[in-house]
Amino acid sequence: MIRIVLFSLGTLIFTWLSRRALMNPGSHGFYRFFVFEGILLLVLLNHPYWFVEPMSPQHLISWSFLLVSIVFIIQALLMFKREGGYSERQDMPENFSFENTAHLVETGLYRYIRHPMYSSLLFLAWGAFLKHITPLTSMLILAVSGFLTACARVEERENIRFFGSVYDEYMQRTGMFIPRLF
């Protein structure tokens, strides 16, 4: 019962935060909403197993993914704030203000990957998934990974429109989520 209440509360919060993006299925925020929902489900379904055999190889990999997730989000936000600046984007009113950077960020993690914040979500999702693997959580992690990929591709089209060929060249030098792999 508690998990249902927490999921409902989380869904209300994500819906409110994503209300503008949900009205525009062509925006990257539309897909990001489903990423947040999937991760919330993974965490809530697997939370009873987080500390069952915490030193098993599966859990050690999970803990590593969760740690990488934290490092990535902190580093990405710091670089975004320090290097990105702010630019009003009239054609993307559903964006959060911190997303509307004036300058292409190419330092820190952004030197190697285009979407370290989404990488953080990917590592968070896989870390939560590895706590307890079931057919349901396997379907959820595939859905979350798919929605993250869709979200990133839509955002890349938006960035090409805003930054032009500079972003296209940047895409050629960097990985989407993981350097040299994906």
Protein backbone atom coordinates (compact mmCIF):
# COMPACT_ATOMS: atom_id res chain seq x y z
CA MET A 1 0.00 0.00 0.00
CA ILE A 2 2.85 2.40 0.86
CA ARG A 3 4.43 1.82 -2.56
CA ILE A 4 1.16 2.70 -4.29
CA VAL A 5 0.88 5.92 -2.30
CA LEU A 6 4.52 6.82 -3.03
CA PHE A 7 4.09 6.05 -6.72
CA SER A 8 0.92 8.16 -6.86
CA LEU A 9 2.61 11.03 -5.05
CA GLY A 10 5.69 10.80 -7.29
CA THR A 11 3.50 10.70 -10.39
CA LEU A 12 1.65 13.83 -9.25
CA ILE A 13 4.94 15.64 -8.70
CA PHE A 14 6.41 14.53 -12.05
CA THR A 15 3.18 15.41 -13.84
CA TRP A 16 3.16 18.89 -12.35
CA LEU A 17 6.84 19.45 -13.16
CA SER A 18 6.37 18.11 -16.69
CA ARG A 19 2.97 19.70 -17.38
CA ARG A 20 4.20 21.91 -20.24
CA ALA A 21 6.31 19.15 -21.80
CA LEU A 22 3.43 16.68 -21.65
CA MET A 23 1.42 19.06 -23.82
CA ASN A 24 4.13 18.86 -26.51
CA PRO A 25 4.93 15.24 -27.49
CA GLY A 26 7.64 16.61 -29.80
CA SER A 27 9.72 17.92 -26.90
CA HIS A 28 12.45 16.00 -25.12
CA GLY A 29 10.71 16.67 -21.79
CA PHE A 30 7.75 14.58 -22.92
CA TYR A 31 9.94 11.48 -23.06
CA ARG A 32 11.81 12.43 -19.91
CA PHE A 33 8.54 12.24 -17.94
CA PHE A 34 8.29 8.53 -18.79
CA VAL A 35 11.94 8.03 -17.80
CA PHE A 36 11.20 9.51 -14.36
CA GLU A 37 8.09 7.35 -14.00
CA GLY A 38 10.00 4.19 -14.96
CA ILE A 39 12.84 4.93 -12.54
CA LEU A 40 10.33 5.63 -9.78
CA LEU A 41 8.71 2.26 -10.44
CA LEU A 42 12.08 0.46 -10.48
CA VAL A 43 13.09 2.03 -7.18
CA LEU A 44 9.75 1.29 -5.52
CA LEU A 45 9.56 -2.29 -6.79
CA ASN A 46 13.13 -3.11 -5.82
CA HIS A 47 13.60 -1.13 -2.61
CA PRO A 48 12.94 -4.18 -0.38
CA TYR A 49 15.99 -5.86 -1.92
CA TRP A 50 18.51 -3.02 -1.72
CA PHE A 51 20.28 -4.36 1.34
CA VAL A 52 19.72 -8.09 0.84
CA GLU A 53 23.20 -9.51 0.23
CA PRO A 54 24.64 -6.01 -0.38
CA MET A 55 28.12 -7.36 -1.07
CA SER A 56 27.10 -9.86 -3.77
CA PRO A 57 28.63 -9.22 -7.21
CA GLN A 58 25.26 -8.14 -8.60
CA HIS A 59 24.75 -5.63 -5.80
CA LEU A 60 28.32 -4.35 -6.02
CA ILE A 61 27.73 -3.55 -9.70
CA SER A 62 24.44 -1.93 -8.73
CA TRP A 63 26.10 0.19 -6.03
CA SER A 64 28.78 1.21 -8.55
CA PHE A 65 26.13 2.33 -11.04
CA LEU A 66 24.33 4.29 -8.33
CA LEU A 67 27.57 5.99 -7.28
CA VAL A 68 28.43 6.87 -10.89
CA SER A 69 24.92 8.30 -11.23
CA ILE A 70 25.54 10.69 -8.35
CA VAL A 71 28.97 11.74 -9.63
CA PHE A 72 27.63 12.33 -13.15
CA ILE A 73 24.68 14.50 -12.09
CA ILE A 74 26.78 16.67 -9.78
CA GLN A 75 29.55 17.15 -12.36
CA ALA A 76 27.08 17.81 -15.19
CA LEU A 77 25.11 20.40 -13.24
CA LEU A 78 28.28 22.20 -12.18
CA MET A 79 29.54 22.36 -15.78
CA PHE A 80 26.13 23.45 -17.05
CA LYS A 81 25.98 26.27 -14.54
CA ARG A 82 29.60 27.36 -15.00
CA GLU A 83 29.89 27.09 -18.80
CA GLY A 84 26.41 27.10 -20.29
CA GLY A 85 25.01 30.53 -19.51
CA TYR A 86 21.37 31.23 -20.24
CA SER A 87 19.48 31.98 -23.44
CA GLU A 88 15.76 32.53 -23.82
CA ARG A 89 14.28 29.99 -26.24
CA GLN A 90 10.85 31.10 -27.38
CA ASP A 91 10.37 27.97 -29.47
CA MET A 92 10.81 25.69 -26.42
CA PRO A 93 8.60 27.08 -23.62
CA GLU A 94 8.38 23.65 -21.99
CA ASN A 95 12.09 23.66 -21.09
CA PHE A 96 13.25 24.35 -17.57
CA SER A 97 15.34 27.54 -17.50
CA PHE A 98 18.60 25.70 -16.70
CA GLU A 99 18.19 23.72 -19.94
CA ASN A 100 18.31 26.84 -22.11
CA THR A 101 22.05 27.29 -22.31
CA ALA A 102 23.57 30.05 -24.41
CA HIS A 103 26.85 28.22 -24.97
CA LEU A 104 27.59 24.65 -25.91
CA VAL A 105 29.23 23.01 -22.89
CA GLU A 106 32.27 20.93 -23.92
CA THR A 107 34.22 20.65 -20.66
CA GLY A 108 34.24 18.03 -17.93
CA LEU A 109 32.05 15.05 -18.77
CA TYR A 110 30.64 16.99 -21.72
CA ARG A 111 34.00 16.58 -23.42
CA TYR A 112 33.28 12.86 -23.75
CA ILE A 113 29.49 12.50 -23.66
CA ARG A 114 26.67 14.72 -24.87
CA HIS A 115 24.14 13.84 -22.18
CA PRO A 116 25.78 13.26 -18.79
CA MET A 117 22.52 14.09 -16.99
CA TYR A 118 20.73 11.42 -18.98
CA SER A 119 23.69 9.11 -18.38
CA SER A 120 23.13 9.74 -14.69
CA LEU A 121 19.49 8.68 -15.08
CA LEU A 122 20.58 5.63 -17.08
CA PHE A 123 23.01 4.54 -14.36
CA LEU A 124 20.38 5.22 -11.69
CA ALA A 125 17.83 3.10 -13.54
CA TRP A 126 20.24 0.22 -14.14
CA GLY A 127 21.49 0.42 -10.55
CA ALA A 128 17.93 0.16 -9.24
CA PHE A 129 17.14 -2.62 -11.71
CA LEU A 130 20.10 -4.74 -10.63
CA LYS A 131 18.88 -4.82 -7.04
CA HIS A 132 16.26 -7.44 -7.99
CA ILE A 133 15.86 -8.71 -11.53
CA THR A 134 12.40 -9.94 -12.52
CA PRO A 135 10.53 -10.10 -15.83
CA LEU A 136 8.63 -6.92 -14.86
CA THR A 137 11.75 -4.97 -13.92
CA SER A 138 13.47 -6.26 -17.07
CA MET A 139 10.66 -4.79 -19.19
CA LEU A 140 10.83 -1.55 -17.19
CA ILE A 141 14.59 -1.10 -17.66
CA LEU A 142 14.25 -1.66 -21.40
CA ALA A 143 11.43 0.90 -21.54
CA VAL A 144 13.41 3.43 -19.48
CA SER A 145 16.47 2.93 -21.69
CA GLY A 146 14.32 3.37 -24.80
CA PHE A 147 12.65 6.53 -23.49
CA LEU A 148 16.05 7.95 -22.50
CA THR A 149 17.37 7.32 -25.99
CA ALA A 150 14.28 8.95 -27.54
CA CYS A 151 14.62 11.89 -25.16
CA ALA A 152 18.28 12.39 -26.10
CA ARG A 153 17.60 12.15 -29.84
CA VAL A 154 14.83 14.75 -29.65
CA GLU A 155 17.07 17.04 -27.57
CA GLU A 156 19.86 16.63 -30.12
CA ARG A 157 17.52 17.80 -32.90
CA GLU A 158 16.60 20.79 -30.72
CA ASN A 159 20.29 21.54 -30.11
CA ILE A 160 21.14 21.33 -33.80
CA ARG A 161 18.39 23.89 -34.48
CA PHE A 162 19.78 26.18 -31.77
CA PHE A 163 23.57 25.70 -32.05
CA GLY A 164 23.73 24.72 -35.73
CA SER A 165 26.62 22.81 -37.27
CA VAL A 166 28.75 23.30 -34.14
CA TYR A 167 26.48 20.85 -32.32
CA ASP A 168 26.52 18.43 -35.23
CA GLU A 169 30.35 18.42 -35.10
CA TYR A 170 30.19 17.97 -31.33
CA MET A 171 27.98 14.91 -31.83
CA GLN A 172 30.64 13.36 -34.05
CA ARG A 173 33.27 13.69 -31.29
CA THR A 174 31.23 12.45 -28.34
CA GLY A 175 29.19 9.49 -27.21
CA MET A 176 25.53 9.86 -26.36
CA PHE A 177 25.64 8.37 -22.84
CA ILE A 178 28.89 6.43 -22.43
CA PRO A 179 32.19 7.47 -24.07
CA ARG A 180 33.08 5.37 -27.11
CA LEU A 181 30.30 2.86 -26.39
CA PHE A 182 26.86 4.46 -26.61
